[in-house]
C-alpha atoms as a PDB file:
ATOM      1  CA  UNK A   1     113.271  98.973 113.649  1.00  0.00           C
ATOM      2  CA  UNK A   2     116.878  97.421 113.706  1.00  0.00           C
ATOM      3  CA  UNK A   3     119.500  98.861 111.142  1.00  0.00           C
ATOM      4  CA  UNK A   4     122.332  97.333 110.379  1.00  0.00           C
ATOM      5  CA  UNK A   5     125.259  98.417 107.961  1.00  0.00           C
ATOM      6  CA  UNK A   6     128.287  96.159 106.920  1.00  0.00           C
ATOM      7  CA  UNK A   7     131.319  97.045 105.641  1.00  0.00           C
ATOM      8  CA  UNK A   8     135.080  95.885 105.390  1.00  0.00           C
ATOM      9  CA  UNK A   9     134.411  93.559 102.506  1.00  0.00           C
ATOM     10  CA  UNK A  10     136.706  93.394  99.267  1.00  0.00           C
ATOM     11  CA  UNK A  11     138.907  91.577  96.950  1.00  0.00           C
ATOM     12  CA  UNK A  12     141.833  89.524  98.603  1.00  0.00           C
ATOM     13  CA  UNK A  13     143.921  86.976  97.555  1.00  0.00           C
ATOM     14  CA  UNK A  14     143.789  83.308  98.895  1.00  0.00           C
ATOM     15  CA  UNK A  15     145.643  83.263 102.345  1.00  0.00           C
ATOM     16  CA  UNK A  16     144.799  86.740 103.186  1.00  0.00           C
ATOM     17  CA  UNK A  17     142.577  88.196 106.142  1.00  0.00           C
ATOM     18  CA  UNK A  18     139.560  90.694 106.100  1.00  0.00           C
ATOM     19  CA  UNK A  19     137.285  92.283 109.071  1.00  0.00           C
ATOM     20  CA  UNK A  20     133.936  92.793 108.475  1.00  0.00           C
ATOM     21  CA  UNK A  21     132.148  95.134 110.759  1.00  0.00           C
ATOM     22  CA  UNK A  22     128.421  95.363 111.005  1.00  0.00           C
ATOM     23  CA  UNK A  23     126.915  98.581 113.009  1.00  0.00           C
ATOM     24  CA  UNK A  24     123.740  98.424 114.597  1.00  0.00           C
ATOM     25  CA  UNK A  25     121.124 100.870 115.293  1.00  0.00           C
ATOM     26  CA  UNK A  26     117.423 101.833 116.016  1.00  0.00           C
ATOM     27  CA  UNK A  27     117.308  98.739 118.331  1.00  0.00           C
ATOM     28  CA  UNK A  28     119.045  97.636 121.685  1.00  0.00           C
ATOM     29  CA  UNK A  29     121.899  95.787 120.174  1.00  0.00           C
ATOM     30  CA  UNK A  30     123.319  94.184 123.534  1.00  0.00           C
ATOM     31  CA  UNK A  31     120.058  92.381 123.687  1.00  0.00           C
ATOM     32  CA  UNK A  32     120.474  90.513 120.388  1.00  0.00           C
ATOM     33  CA  UNK A  33     122.214  87.270 119.515  1.00  0.00           C
ATOM     34  CA  UNK A  34     123.763  87.896 116.139  1.00  0.00           C
ATOM     35  CA  UNK A  35     125.092  86.176 113.275  1.00  0.00           C
ATOM     36  CA  UNK A  36     127.181  86.677 109.847  1.00  0.00           C
ATOM     37  CA  UNK A  37     125.611  84.714 106.821  1.00  0.00           C
ATOM     38  CA  UNK A  38     126.923  84.555 103.636  1.00  0.00           C
ATOM     39  CA  UNK A  39     125.635  83.476 100.246  1.00  0.00           C
ATOM     40  CA  UNK A  40     127.461  82.838  96.895  1.00  0.00           C
ATOM     41  CA  UNK A  41     125.895  83.113  93.515  1.00  0.00           C
ATOM     42  CA  UNK A  42     123.481  80.142  93.112  1.00  0.00           C
ATOM     43  CA  UNK A  43     123.690  78.904  96.320  1.00  0.00           C
ATOM     44  CA  UNK A  44     121.570  79.146  99.765  1.00  0.00           C
ATOM     45  CA  UNK A  45     122.042  81.672 102.251  1.00  0.00           C
ATOM     46  CA  UNK A  46     124.158  79.864 104.906  1.00  0.00           C
ATOM     47  CA  UNK A  47     125.240  80.749 108.476  1.00  0.00           C
ATOM     48  CA  UNK A  48     129.159  81.409 108.772  1.00  0.00           C
ATOM     49  CA  UNK A  49     129.104  82.303 112.385  1.00  0.00           C
ATOM     50  CA  UNK A  50     126.770  83.161 115.549  1.00  0.00           C
ATOM     51  CA  UNK A  51     127.195  84.974 118.694  1.00  0.00           C
ATOM     52  CA  UNK A  52     125.101  85.316 122.148  1.00  0.00           C
ATOM     53  CA  UNK A  53     124.126  88.494 123.352  1.00  0.00           C
ATOM     54  CA  UNK A  54     127.711  88.739 125.630  1.00  0.00           C
ATOM     55  CA  UNK A  55     129.491  87.007 122.928  1.00  0.00           C
ATOM     56  CA  UNK A  56     130.552  84.357 124.921  1.00  0.00           C
ATOM     57  CA  UNK A  57     128.714  81.693 123.272  1.00  0.00           C
ATOM     58  CA  UNK A  58     129.676  81.227 119.702  1.00  0.00           C
ATOM     59  CA  UNK A  59     128.844  78.928 117.003  1.00  0.00           C
ATOM     60  CA  UNK A  60     130.589  78.734 113.710  1.00  0.00           C
ATOM     61  CA  UNK A  61     129.944  76.276 110.664  1.00  0.00           C
ATOM     62  CA  UNK A  62     132.290  73.464 109.740  1.00  0.00           C
ATOM     63  CA  UNK A  63     133.899  75.241 106.723  1.00  0.00           C
ATOM     64  CA  UNK A  64     135.181  78.069 108.764  1.00  0.00           C
ATOM     65  CA  UNK A  65     135.916  76.770 112.010  1.00  0.00           C
ATOM     66  CA  UNK A  66     139.390  77.772 112.958  1.00  0.00           C
ATOM     67  CA  UNK A  67     139.749  80.773 110.576  1.00  0.00           C
ATOM     68  CA  UNK A  68     136.951  82.752 111.342  1.00  0.00           C
ATOM     69  CA  UNK A  69     136.159  84.598 114.538  1.00  0.00           C
ATOM     70  CA  UNK A  70     133.112  86.451 115.580  1.00  0.00           C
ATOM     71  CA  UNK A  71     133.106  88.807 118.368  1.00  0.00           C
ATOM     72  CA  UNK A  72     130.920  92.223 119.260  1.00  0.00           C
ATOM     73  CA  UNK A  73     131.302  95.212 121.181  1.00  0.00           C
ATOM     74  CA  UNK A  74     128.312  96.238 122.653  1.00  0.00           C
ATOM     75  CA  UNK A  75     129.531  99.433 123.639  1.00  0.00           C
ATOM     76  CA  UNK A  76     129.880 100.353 120.154  1.00  0.00           C
ATOM     77  CA  UNK A  77     127.022  98.818 118.576  1.00  0.00           C
ATOM     78  CA  UNK A  78     128.916  96.665 116.517  1.00  0.00           C
ATOM     79  CA  UNK A  79     129.369  92.877 115.597  1.00  0.00           C
ATOM     80  CA  UNK A  80     132.612  91.845 113.686  1.00  0.00           C
ATOM     81  CA  UNK A  81     133.776  88.783 111.736  1.00  0.00           C
ATOM     82  CA  UNK A  82     137.763  88.422 111.768  1.00  0.00           C
ATOM     83  CA  UNK A  83     138.398  86.070 108.584  1.00  0.00           C
ATOM     84  CA  UNK A  84     141.923  84.758 108.225  1.00  0.00           C
ATOM     85  CA  UNK A  85     143.570  82.132 105.657  1.00  0.00           C
ATOM     86  CA  UNK A  86     140.696  82.930 103.131  1.00  0.00           C
ATOM     87  CA  UNK A  87     139.847  80.798 100.639  1.00  0.00           C
ATOM     88  CA  UNK A  88     138.366  81.189  96.957  1.00  0.00           C
ATOM     89  CA  UNK A  89     135.316  79.221  98.232  1.00  0.00           C
ATOM     90  CA  UNK A  90     134.763  82.031 100.838  1.00  0.00           C
ATOM     91  CA  UNK A  91     133.693  84.369  97.895  1.00  0.00           C
ATOM     92  CA  UNK A  92     130.137  85.549  98.740  1.00  0.00           C
ATOM     93  CA  UNK A  93     128.070  88.545  99.915  1.00  0.00           C
ATOM     94  CA  UNK A  94     128.474  88.474 103.449  1.00  0.00           C
ATOM     95  CA  UNK A  95     125.254  89.701 105.651  1.00  0.00           C
ATOM     96  CA  UNK A  96     124.898  90.057 109.327  1.00  0.00           C
ATOM     97  CA  UNK A  97     121.489  89.682 110.862  1.00  0.00           C
ATOM     98  CA  UNK A  98     119.901  90.232 114.336  1.00  0.00           C
ATOM     99  CA  UNK A  99     117.519  87.743 116.062  1.00  0.00           C
ATOM    100  CA  UNK A 100     115.373  90.219 118.067  1.00  0.00           C
ATOM    101  CA  UNK A 101     113.186  87.489 119.500  1.00  0.00           C
ATOM    102  CA  UNK A 102     116.494  86.157 121.340  1.00  0.00           C
ATOM    103  CA  UNK A 103     114.593  82.840 122.513  1.00  0.00           C
ATOM    104  CA  UNK A 104     116.299  79.509 123.191  1.00  0.00           C
ATOM    105  CA  UNK A 105     119.802  78.688 121.749  1.00  0.00           C
ATOM    106  CA  UNK A 106     121.735  80.167 119.066  1.00  0.00           C
ATOM    107  CA  UNK A 107     119.629  80.075 115.751  1.00  0.00           C
ATOM    108  CA  UNK A 108     121.256  78.452 112.630  1.00  0.00           C
ATOM    109  CA  UNK A 109     119.397  79.109 109.774  1.00  0.00           C
ATOM    110  CA  UNK A 110     118.227  82.261 108.428  1.00  0.00           C
ATOM    111  CA  UNK A 111     114.555  82.253 109.298  1.00  0.00           C
ATOM    112  CA  UNK A 112     115.394  82.565 112.747  1.00  0.00           C
ATOM    113  CA  UNK A 113     116.863  85.933 112.344  1.00  0.00           C
ATOM    114  CA  UNK A 114     114.556  88.966 111.541  1.00  0.00           C
ATOM    115  CA  UNK A 115     116.814  91.936 110.710  1.00  0.00           C
ATOM    116  CA  UNK A 116     119.311  92.135 108.078  1.00  0.00           C
ATOM    117  CA  UNK A 117     121.770  94.005 106.554  1.00  0.00           C
ATOM    118  CA  UNK A 118     122.244  95.182 102.794  1.00  0.00           C
ATOM    119  CA  UNK A 119     125.676  92.609 102.777  1.00  0.00           C
ATOM    120  CA  UNK A 120     129.173  93.368 101.785  1.00  0.00           C
ATOM    121  CA  UNK A 121     131.021  91.309  99.027  1.00  0.00           C
ATOM    122  CA  UNK A 122     134.107  89.477  99.645  1.00  0.00           C
ATOM    123  CA  UNK A 123     136.268  87.893  96.645  1.00  0.00           C
ATOM    124  CA  UNK A 124     138.938  85.811  97.176  1.00  0.00           C
ATOM    125  CA  UNK A 125     140.626  85.332  94.295  1.00  0.00           C
ATOM    126  CA  UNK A 126     144.386  85.335  92.941  1.00  0.00           C
END
């Protein structure tokens, strides 16, 4: 069983930055591709960013490309999401997720991930 705990969310103004963290336990973090998803009220959960086991291969949705950066520290079992130039449309609950099957290319849809954190709220508002 993999446990994932996110932190770092909050209320910020447009243009501000936040860094989300996700600490993993109960599994072998370094062997799992990881992803950050978000879900706004009334909308489907969408992938924001994903990275390979080493962090060298990454994927970003078009809506965050150039503003967000995903990274990981396997020695600390921690996944990060650096979010810059935040916009009101970035407001959502953000979830980290683990792909423990780790087969094939990075998964870009939620069913490809089998362990999830509880989420952290990010609100961007003036």
